[in-house]
PDB file of N, CA and C in Angstrom:
ATOM      1  N   UNK A   1     -12.015-134.900 196.250  1.00  0.00           N
ATOM      2  CA  UNK A   1     -11.975-136.502 196.403  1.00  0.00           C
ATOM      3  C   UNK A   1     -10.490-136.971 196.553  1.00  0.00           C
ATOM      4  N   UNK A   2     -10.485-137.976 197.403  1.00  0.00           N
ATOM      5  CA  UNK A   2      -9.094-138.407 197.618  1.00  0.00           C
ATOM      6  C   UNK A   2      -9.263-139.966 197.603  1.00  0.00           C
ATOM      7  N   UNK A   3      -8.131-140.536 197.247  1.00  0.00           N
ATOM      8  CA  UNK A   3      -7.881-142.042 197.148  1.00  0.00           C
ATOM      9  C   UNK A   3      -6.513-142.367 197.509  1.00  0.00           C
ATOM     10  N   UNK A   4      -6.269-143.513 198.325  1.00  0.00           N
ATOM     11  CA  UNK A   4      -4.918-143.935 198.357  1.00  0.00           C
ATOM     12  C   UNK A   4      -5.004-145.410 197.924  1.00  0.00           C
ATOM     13  N   UNK A   5      -4.049-146.038 197.054  1.00  0.00           N
ATOM     14  CA  UNK A   5      -3.901-147.157 196.741  1.00  0.00           C
ATOM     15  C   UNK A   5      -2.721-148.009 196.968  1.00  0.00           C
ATOM     16  N   UNK A   6      -2.885-149.164 197.741  1.00  0.00           N
ATOM     17  CA  UNK A   6      -1.681-149.799 198.177  1.00  0.00           C
ATOM     18  C   UNK A   6      -1.360-150.732 196.990  1.00  0.00           C
ATOM     19  N   UNK A   7      -0.619-150.450 195.928  1.00  0.00           N
ATOM     20  CA  UNK A   7      -0.121-151.219 194.805  1.00  0.00           C
ATOM     21  C   UNK A   7       0.435-152.499 195.275  1.00  0.00           C
ATOM     22  N   UNK A   8       1.357-152.192 196.302  1.00  0.00           N
ATOM     23  CA  UNK A   8       2.081-153.416 196.854  1.00  0.00           C
ATOM     24  C   UNK A   8       2.479-153.171 198.244  1.00  0.00           C
ATOM     25  N   UNK A   9       3.356-154.076 198.841  1.00  0.00           N
ATOM     26  CA  UNK A   9       3.702-153.710 200.416  1.00  0.00           C
ATOM     27  C   UNK A   9       4.740-152.523 200.373  1.00  0.00           C
ATOM     28  N   UNK A  10       5.275-152.287 199.156  1.00  0.00           N
ATOM     29  CA  UNK A  10       6.362-151.361 198.964  1.00  0.00           C
ATOM     30  C   UNK A  10       5.891-150.052 198.297  1.00  0.00           C
ATOM     31  N   UNK A  11       4.754-150.096 197.694  1.00  0.00           N
ATOM     32  CA  UNK A  11       4.444-148.778 196.708  1.00  0.00           C
ATOM     33  C   UNK A  11       2.968-148.509 196.710  1.00  0.00           C
ATOM     34  N   UNK A  12       2.584-147.335 197.156  1.00  0.00           N
ATOM     35  CA  UNK A  12       1.568-146.585 197.237  1.00  0.00           C
ATOM     36  C   UNK A  12       1.284-145.551 196.511  1.00  0.00           C
ATOM     37  N   UNK A  13       0.072-145.193 195.854  1.00  0.00           N
ATOM     38  CA  UNK A  13      -0.299-144.105 195.251  1.00  0.00           C
ATOM     39  C   UNK A  13      -1.441-143.213 195.954  1.00  0.00           C
ATOM     40  N   UNK A  14      -1.188-141.816 196.050  1.00  0.00           N
ATOM     41  CA  UNK A  14      -2.176-140.723 196.451  1.00  0.00           C
ATOM     42  C   UNK A  14      -2.704-140.197 195.337  1.00  0.00           C
ATOM     43  N   UNK A  15      -4.003-139.791 195.481  1.00  0.00           N
ATOM     44  CA  UNK A  15      -4.765-139.032 194.313  1.00  0.00           C
ATOM     45  C   UNK A  15      -5.754-138.036 194.878  1.00  0.00           C
ATOM     46  N   UNK A  16      -5.642-137.114 194.260  1.00  0.00           N
ATOM     47  CA  UNK A  16      -6.670-136.146 194.550  1.00  0.00           C
ATOM     48  C   UNK A  16      -6.349-135.148 195.707  1.00  0.00           C
ATOM     49  N   UNK A  17      -7.345-134.812 196.532  1.00  0.00           N
ATOM     50  CA  UNK A  17      -6.923-133.807 197.530  1.00  0.00           C
ATOM     51  C   UNK A  17      -7.104-134.480 199.015  1.00  0.00           C
ATOM     52  N   UNK A  18      -5.979-134.441 199.649  1.00  0.00           N
ATOM     53  CA  UNK A  18      -5.803-135.108 201.073  1.00  0.00           C
ATOM     54  C   UNK A  18      -6.270-134.213 202.015  1.00  0.00           C
ATOM     55  N   UNK A  19      -7.540-134.004 202.568  1.00  0.00           N
ATOM     56  CA  UNK A  19      -7.878-133.222 203.646  1.00  0.00           C
ATOM     57  C   UNK A  19      -7.921-133.940 204.896  1.00  0.00           C
ATOM     58  N   UNK A  20      -8.143-133.269 205.905  1.00  0.00           N
ATOM     59  CA  UNK A  20      -8.167-133.845 207.317  1.00  0.00           C
ATOM     60  C   UNK A  20      -9.196-134.890 207.431  1.00  0.00           C
ATOM     61  N   UNK A  21     -10.278-135.024 206.722  1.00  0.00           N
ATOM     62  CA  UNK A  21     -11.290-136.143 206.771  1.00  0.00           C
ATOM     63  C   UNK A  21     -10.764-137.377 206.101  1.00  0.00           C
ATOM     64  N   UNK A  22      -9.605-137.302 205.558  1.00  0.00           N
ATOM     65  CA  UNK A  22      -9.010-138.639 205.072  1.00  0.00           C
ATOM     66  C   UNK A  22      -7.866-138.927 205.836  1.00  0.00           C
ATOM     67  N   UNK A  23      -7.463-138.342 206.861  1.00  0.00           N
ATOM     68  CA  UNK A  23      -6.282-138.556 207.580  1.00  0.00           C
ATOM     69  C   UNK A  23      -6.413-140.136 208.185  1.00  0.00           C
ATOM     70  N   UNK A  24      -7.553-140.372 208.796  1.00  0.00           N
ATOM     71  CA  UNK A  24      -7.513-141.759 209.409  1.00  0.00           C
ATOM     72  C   UNK A  24      -7.248-142.997 208.492  1.00  0.00           C
ATOM     73  N   UNK A  25      -7.627-142.764 207.255  1.00  0.00           N
ATOM     74  CA  UNK A  25      -7.564-143.651 206.168  1.00  0.00           C
ATOM     75  C   UNK A  25      -6.106-143.700 205.938  1.00  0.00           C
ATOM     76  N   UNK A  26      -5.498-142.520 205.696  1.00  0.00           N
ATOM     77  CA  UNK A  26      -3.994-142.618 205.436  1.00  0.00           C
ATOM     78  C   UNK A  26      -3.206-143.040 206.626  1.00  0.00           C
ATOM     79  N   UNK A  27      -3.460-142.917 207.942  1.00  0.00           N
ATOM     80  CA  UNK A  27      -2.732-143.260 208.918  1.00  0.00           C
ATOM     81  C   UNK A  27      -2.880-144.882 208.844  1.00  0.00           C
ATOM     82  N   UNK A  28      -4.003-145.361 208.700  1.00  0.00           N
ATOM     83  CA  UNK A  28      -4.354-146.924 208.765  1.00  0.00           C
ATOM     84  C   UNK A  28      -3.412-147.477 207.802  1.00  0.00           C
ATOM     85  N   UNK A  29      -3.320-146.891 206.630  1.00  0.00           N
ATOM     86  CA  UNK A  29      -2.580-147.619 205.501  1.00  0.00           C
ATOM     87  C   UNK A  29      -1.173-147.489 205.626  1.00  0.00           C
ATOM     88  N   UNK A  30      -0.779-146.236 205.897  1.00  0.00           N
ATOM     89  CA  UNK A  30       0.814-145.819 206.391  1.00  0.00           C
ATOM     90  C   UNK A  30       1.135-146.876 207.607  1.00  0.00           C
ATOM     91  N   UNK A  31       0.180-146.864 208.418  1.00  0.00           N
ATOM     92  CA  UNK A  31       0.604-147.512 209.905  1.00  0.00           C
ATOM     93  C   UNK A  31       0.697-149.013 209.478  1.00  0.00           C
ATOM     94  N   UNK A  32       0.221-149.560 208.484  1.00  0.00           N
ATOM     95  CA  UNK A  32       0.460-151.095 208.091  1.00  0.00           C
ATOM     96  C   UNK A  32       1.861-151.301 207.623  1.00  0.00           C
ATOM     97  N   UNK A  33       2.506-150.256 207.323  1.00  0.00           N
ATOM     98  CA  UNK A  33       3.802-150.540 206.483  1.00  0.00           C
ATOM     99  C   UNK A  33       4.797-150.884 207.536  1.00  0.00           C
ATOM    100  N   UNK A  34       5.708-151.967 207.109  1.00  0.00           N
ATOM    101  CA  UNK A  34       6.710-152.560 208.062  1.00  0.00           C
ATOM    102  C   UNK A  34       8.088-152.291 207.610  1.00  0.00           C
ATOM    103  N   UNK A  35       8.245-151.827 206.442  1.00  0.00           N
ATOM    104  CA  UNK A  35       9.423-151.575 205.639  1.00  0.00           C
ATOM    105  C   UNK A  35       9.498-150.441 204.823  1.00  0.00           C
ATOM    106  N   UNK A  36      10.359-149.965 204.252  1.00  0.00           N
ATOM    107  CA  UNK A  36      10.556-148.856 203.144  1.00  0.00           C
ATOM    108  C   UNK A  36       9.372-148.912 202.235  1.00  0.00           C
ATOM    109  N   UNK A  37       9.040-147.721 201.809  1.00  0.00           N
ATOM    110  CA  UNK A  37       8.079-147.759 200.770  1.00  0.00           C
ATOM    111  C   UNK A  37       7.932-146.479 199.898  1.00  0.00           C
ATOM    112  N   UNK A  38       7.659-146.534 198.716  1.00  0.00           N
ATOM    113  CA  UNK A  38       7.523-145.479 197.960  1.00  0.00           C
ATOM    114  C   UNK A  38       6.028-144.875 197.604  1.00  0.00           C
ATOM    115  N   UNK A  39       5.968-143.573 197.882  1.00  0.00           N
ATOM    116  CA  UNK A  39       4.634-143.168 197.695  1.00  0.00           C
ATOM    117  C   UNK A  39       4.550-142.266 196.466  1.00  0.00           C
ATOM    118  N   UNK A  40       3.829-142.689 195.557  1.00  0.00           N
ATOM    119  CA  UNK A  40       3.634-141.999 194.159  1.00  0.00           C
ATOM    120  C   UNK A  40       2.761-140.782 194.397  1.00  0.00           C
ATOM    121  N   UNK A  41       3.062-139.614 194.191  1.00  0.00           N
ATOM    122  CA  UNK A  41       2.084-138.488 194.436  1.00  0.00           C
ATOM    123  C   UNK A  41       1.696-137.830 193.035  1.00  0.00           C
ATOM    124  N   UNK A  42       1.905-138.300 191.999  1.00  0.00           N
ATOM    125  CA  UNK A  42       1.667-137.770 190.584  1.00  0.00           C
ATOM    126  C   UNK A  42       0.318-137.275 190.554  1.00  0.00           C
ATOM    127  N   UNK A  43      -0.726-137.868 191.225  1.00  0.00           N
ATOM    128  CA  UNK A  43      -2.186-137.358 191.061  1.00  0.00           C
ATOM    129  C   UNK A  43      -2.466-136.618 192.408  1.00  0.00           C
ATOM    130  N   UNK A  44      -1.626-136.448 193.388  1.00  0.00           N
ATOM    131  CA  UNK A  44      -2.036-135.606 194.547  1.00  0.00           C
ATOM    132  C   UNK A  44      -1.920-134.209 194.233  1.00  0.00           C
ATOM    133  N   UNK A  45      -2.983-133.464 194.430  1.00  0.00           N
ATOM    134  CA  UNK A  45      -3.105-131.994 194.012  1.00  0.00           C
ATOM    135  C   UNK A  45      -3.172-131.114 195.231  1.00  0.00           C
ATOM    136  N   UNK A  46      -3.369-131.618 196.327  1.00  0.00           N
ATOM    137  CA  UNK A  46      -3.635-130.761 197.539  1.00  0.00           C
ATOM    138  C   UNK A  46      -3.193-131.751 198.725  1.00  0.00           C
ATOM    139  N   UNK A  47      -2.581-131.344 199.895  1.00  0.00           N
ATOM    140  CA  UNK A  47      -2.377-132.044 201.199  1.00  0.00           C
ATOM    141  C   UNK A  47      -2.604-130.920 202.319  1.00  0.00           C
ATOM    142  N   UNK A  48      -3.378-131.290 203.184  1.00  0.00           N
ATOM    143  CA  UNK A  48      -3.569-130.338 204.363  1.00  0.00           C
ATOM    144  C   UNK A  48      -2.441-130.752 205.324  1.00  0.00           C
ATOM    145  N   UNK A  49      -2.376-129.818 206.358  1.00  0.00           N
ATOM    146  CA  UNK A  49      -1.303-129.884 207.431  1.00  0.00           C
ATOM    147  C   UNK A  49      -1.536-131.320 207.929  1.00  0.00           C
ATOM    148  N   UNK A  50      -2.877-131.794 208.320  1.00  0.00           N
ATOM    149  CA  UNK A  50      -3.141-133.078 208.979  1.00  0.00           C
ATOM    150  C   UNK A  50      -2.548-134.156 207.971  1.00  0.00           C
ATOM    151  N   UNK A  51      -2.708-134.259 206.893  1.00  0.00           N
ATOM    152  CA  UNK A  51      -2.204-134.992 205.882  1.00  0.00           C
ATOM    153  C   UNK A  51      -0.714-135.141 206.126  1.00  0.00           C
ATOM    154  N   UNK A  52      -0.110-133.891 205.930  1.00  0.00           N
ATOM    155  CA  UNK A  52       1.372-133.804 206.173  1.00  0.00           C
ATOM    156  C   UNK A  52       1.877-134.691 207.590  1.00  0.00           C
ATOM    157  N   UNK A  53       1.200-134.351 208.659  1.00  0.00           N
ATOM    158  CA  UNK A  53       1.555-134.989 209.948  1.00  0.00           C
ATOM    159  C   UNK A  53       1.373-136.404 209.905  1.00  0.00           C
ATOM    160  N   UNK A  54       0.334-136.969 209.097  1.00  0.00           N
ATOM    161  CA  UNK A  54       0.257-138.466 209.054  1.00  0.00           C
ATOM    162  C   UNK A  54       1.392-139.098 208.222  1.00  0.00           C
ATOM    163  N   UNK A  55       1.968-138.471 207.197  1.00  0.00           N
ATOM    164  CA  UNK A  55       3.068-138.947 206.555  1.00  0.00           C
ATOM    165  C   UNK A  55       4.269-138.805 207.444  1.00  0.00           C
ATOM    166  N   UNK A  56       4.468-137.676 208.021  1.00  0.00           N
ATOM    167  CA  UNK A  56       5.607-137.557 208.998  1.00  0.00           C
ATOM    168  C   UNK A  56       5.699-138.402 210.074  1.00  0.00           C
ATOM    169  N   UNK A  57       4.756-138.499 210.793  1.00  0.00           N
ATOM    170  CA  UNK A  57       4.460-139.426 211.985  1.00  0.00           C
ATOM    171  C   UNK A  57       4.843-141.010 211.513  1.00  0.00           C
ATOM    172  N   UNK A  58       4.300-141.422 210.347  1.00  0.00           N
ATOM    173  CA  UNK A  58       4.844-142.598 209.862  1.00  0.00           C
ATOM    174  C   UNK A  58       6.210-142.699 209.567  1.00  0.00           C
ATOM    175  N   UNK A  59       6.822-141.485 208.895  1.00  0.00           N
ATOM    176  CA  UNK A  59       8.236-141.710 208.441  1.00  0.00           C
ATOM    177  C   UNK A  59       9.097-141.841 209.705  1.00  0.00           C
ATOM    178  N   UNK A  60       8.816-141.172 210.815  1.00  0.00           N
ATOM    179  CA  UNK A  60       9.511-141.219 212.018  1.00  0.00           C
ATOM    180  C   UNK A  60       9.363-142.522 212.549  1.00  0.00           C
ATOM    181  N   UNK A  61       8.136-143.263 212.578  1.00  0.00           N
ATOM    182  CA  UNK A  61       8.100-144.609 212.914  1.00  0.00           C
ATOM    183  C   UNK A  61       8.927-145.460 212.209  1.00  0.00           C
ATOM    184  N   UNK A  62       8.821-145.300 210.795  1.00  0.00           N
ATOM    185  CA  UNK A  62       9.614-146.316 210.176  1.00  0.00           C
ATOM    186  C   UNK A  62      11.125-146.047 210.183  1.00  0.00           C
ATOM    187  N   UNK A  63      11.548-144.763 210.421  1.00  0.00           N
ATOM    188  CA  UNK A  63      13.006-144.608 210.660  1.00  0.00           C
ATOM    189  C   UNK A  63      13.316-145.348 211.938  1.00  0.00           C
ATOM    190  N   UNK A  64      12.569-145.607 212.900  1.00  0.00           N
ATOM    191  CA  UNK A  64      13.075-146.248 214.053  1.00  0.00           C
ATOM    192  C   UNK A  64      13.123-147.486 213.755  1.00  0.00           C
ATOM    193  N   UNK A  65      12.419-148.181 212.746  1.00  0.00           N
ATOM    194  CA  UNK A  65      12.664-149.629 212.338  1.00  0.00           C
ATOM    195  C   UNK A  65      13.743-149.615 211.085  1.00  0.00           C
ATOM    196  N   UNK A  66      14.394-148.532 210.794  1.00  0.00           N
ATOM    197  CA  UNK A  66      15.544-148.611 209.899  1.00  0.00           C
ATOM    198  C   UNK A  66      14.904-148.515 208.579  1.00  0.00           C
ATOM    199  N   UNK A  67      13.761-148.014 208.215  1.00  0.00           N
ATOM    200  CA  UNK A  67      13.114-147.811 206.951  1.00  0.00           C
ATOM    201  C   UNK A  67      12.830-146.413 206.677  1.00  0.00           C
ATOM    202  N   UNK A  68      12.120-146.136 205.536  1.00  0.00           N
ATOM    203  CA  UNK A  68      11.751-144.825 205.322  1.00  0.00           C
ATOM    204  C   UNK A  68      10.627-144.812 204.144  1.00  0.00           C
ATOM    205  N   UNK A  69      10.027-143.538 204.130  1.00  0.00           N
ATOM    206  CA  UNK A  69       9.071-143.422 203.076  1.00  0.00           C
ATOM    207  C   UNK A  69       9.600-142.463 202.002  1.00  0.00           C
ATOM    208  N   UNK A  70       9.678-142.814 200.864  1.00  0.00           N
ATOM    209  CA  UNK A  70      10.178-142.019 199.728  1.00  0.00           C
ATOM    210  C   UNK A  70       9.022-141.374 198.974  1.00  0.00           C
ATOM    211  N   UNK A  71       8.888-140.192 198.716  1.00  0.00           N
ATOM    212  CA  UNK A  71       7.779-139.476 197.782  1.00  0.00           C
ATOM    213  C   UNK A  71       8.502-139.381 196.485  1.00  0.00           C
ATOM    214  N   UNK A  72       7.601-139.587 195.311  1.00  0.00           N
ATOM    215  CA  UNK A  72       7.852-139.473 194.020  1.00  0.00           C
ATOM    216  C   UNK A  72       6.892-138.726 193.298  1.00  0.00           C
ATOM    217  N   UNK A  73       7.232-137.915 192.203  1.00  0.00           N
ATOM    218  CA  UNK A  73       6.250-137.246 191.296  1.00  0.00           C
ATOM    219  C   UNK A  73       5.450-136.162 192.032  1.00  0.00           C
ATOM    220  N   UNK A  74       6.126-135.559 192.971  1.00  0.00           N
ATOM    221  CA  UNK A  74       5.448-134.197 193.644  1.00  0.00           C
ATOM    222  C   UNK A  74       5.381-133.085 192.700  1.00  0.00           C
ATOM    223  N   UNK A  75       4.035-132.710 192.514  1.00  0.00           N
ATOM    224  CA  UNK A  75       3.971-131.544 191.622  1.00  0.00           C
ATOM    225  C   UNK A  75       4.778-130.283 192.217  1.00  0.00           C
ATOM    226  N   UNK A  76       4.998-129.277 191.488  1.00  0.00           N
ATOM    227  CA  UNK A  76       5.749-128.061 191.719  1.00  0.00           C
ATOM    228  C   UNK A  76       5.207-127.390 193.123  1.00  0.00           C
ATOM    229  N   UNK A  77       3.969-127.381 193.222  1.00  0.00           N
ATOM    230  CA  UNK A  77       3.265-126.616 194.359  1.00  0.00           C
ATOM    231  C   UNK A  77       3.365-127.533 195.506  1.00  0.00           C
ATOM    232  N   UNK A  78       3.292-128.807 195.551  1.00  0.00           N
ATOM    233  CA  UNK A  78       3.525-129.679 196.696  1.00  0.00           C
ATOM    234  C   UNK A  78       4.991-129.588 196.979  1.00  0.00           C
ATOM    235  N   UNK A  79       5.857-129.550 196.184  1.00  0.00           N
ATOM    236  CA  UNK A  79       7.364-129.664 196.388  1.00  0.00           C
ATOM    237  C   UNK A  79       7.665-128.407 197.177  1.00  0.00           C
ATOM    238  N   UNK A  80       7.121-127.155 196.867  1.00  0.00           N
ATOM    239  CA  UNK A  80       7.525-125.943 197.407  1.00  0.00           C
ATOM    240  C   UNK A  80       6.909-126.014 198.883  1.00  0.00           C
ATOM    241  N   UNK A  81       5.633-126.486 199.052  1.00  0.00           N
ATOM    242  CA  UNK A  81       5.119-126.541 200.401  1.00  0.00           C
ATOM    243  C   UNK A  81       5.954-127.483 201.255  1.00  0.00           C
ATOM    244  N   UNK A  82       6.381-128.579 200.845  1.00  0.00           N
ATOM    245  CA  UNK A  82       7.323-129.581 201.649  1.00  0.00           C
ATOM    246  C   UNK A  82       8.446-128.677 202.021  1.00  0.00           C
ATOM    247  N   UNK A  83       9.113-128.023 201.026  1.00  0.00           N
ATOM    248  CA  UNK A  83      10.334-127.171 201.210  1.00  0.00           C
ATOM    249  C   UNK A  83      10.273-126.231 202.303  1.00  0.00           C
ATOM    250  N   UNK A  84       9.228-125.473 202.071  1.00  0.00           N
ATOM    251  CA  UNK A  84       8.755-124.084 203.107  1.00  0.00           C
ATOM    252  C   UNK A  84       8.774-124.791 204.331  1.00  0.00           C
ATOM    253  N   UNK A  85       8.010-126.034 204.485  1.00  0.00           N
ATOM    254  CA  UNK A  85       7.749-126.320 205.902  1.00  0.00           C
ATOM    255  C   UNK A  85       8.844-127.281 206.355  1.00  0.00           C
ATOM    256  N   UNK A  86      10.123-127.257 205.737  1.00  0.00           N
ATOM    257  CA  UNK A  86      11.291-127.959 206.291  1.00  0.00           C
ATOM    258  C   UNK A  86      11.263-129.456 206.181  1.00  0.00           C
ATOM    259  N   UNK A  87      10.262-130.006 205.380  1.00  0.00           N
ATOM    260  CA  UNK A  87      10.336-131.374 205.459  1.00  0.00           C
ATOM    261  C   UNK A  87      11.210-131.950 204.236  1.00  0.00           C
ATOM    262  N   UNK A  88      11.931-131.140 203.512  1.00  0.00           N
ATOM    263  CA  UNK A  88      13.121-131.790 202.686  1.00  0.00           C
ATOM    264  C   UNK A  88      14.206-132.512 203.472  1.00  0.00           C
ATOM    265  N   UNK A  89      14.264-132.028 204.913  1.00  0.00           N
ATOM    266  CA  UNK A  89      15.088-132.600 205.762  1.00  0.00           C
ATOM    267  C   UNK A  89      14.673-133.848 206.336  1.00  0.00           C
ATOM    268  N   UNK A  90      13.251-134.057 206.542  1.00  0.00           N
ATOM    269  CA  UNK A  90      12.741-135.272 207.126  1.00  0.00           C
ATOM    270  C   UNK A  90      12.301-136.263 206.188  1.00  0.00           C
ATOM    271  N   UNK A  91      12.014-135.862 204.947  1.00  0.00           N
ATOM    272  CA  UNK A  91      11.452-136.723 203.890  1.00  0.00           C
ATOM    273  C   UNK A  91      12.395-136.880 202.655  1.00  0.00           C
ATOM    274  N   UNK A  92      12.502-137.987 202.022  1.00  0.00           N
ATOM    275  CA  UNK A  92      13.264-138.241 200.753  1.00  0.00           C
ATOM    276  C   UNK A  92      12.257-138.058 199.657  1.00  0.00           C
ATOM    277  N   UNK A  93      12.660-137.362 198.453  1.00  0.00           N
ATOM    278  CA  UNK A  93      11.716-137.420 197.378  1.00  0.00           C
ATOM    279  C   UNK A  93      12.694-136.967 196.288  1.00  0.00           C
ATOM    280  N   UNK A  94      12.012-137.382 195.178  1.00  0.00           N
ATOM    281  CA  UNK A  94      12.784-136.976 193.658  1.00  0.00           C
ATOM    282  C   UNK A  94      11.781-136.321 192.903  1.00  0.00           C
TER     283      UNK A  94
END
């Protein structure tokens, strides 16, 4: 199960397992962003390559507008996945 919650225009939460079946929902929510946003991943336990691409595509789109997506609370497994994929260069997280 996966859920995305838009807490505010600048703060989102992802929870559960982000599979390809949820990518359209993620693209819709991220695509509505017009400025920098924090994405809380505290309760995200899995992300597919399609989910990664949805985030990356919107990161590049926002960078073109002078903004960015910042990820917070990545668990160690997801942090390692992002680093191995080279996304530490593209995305900002703490």
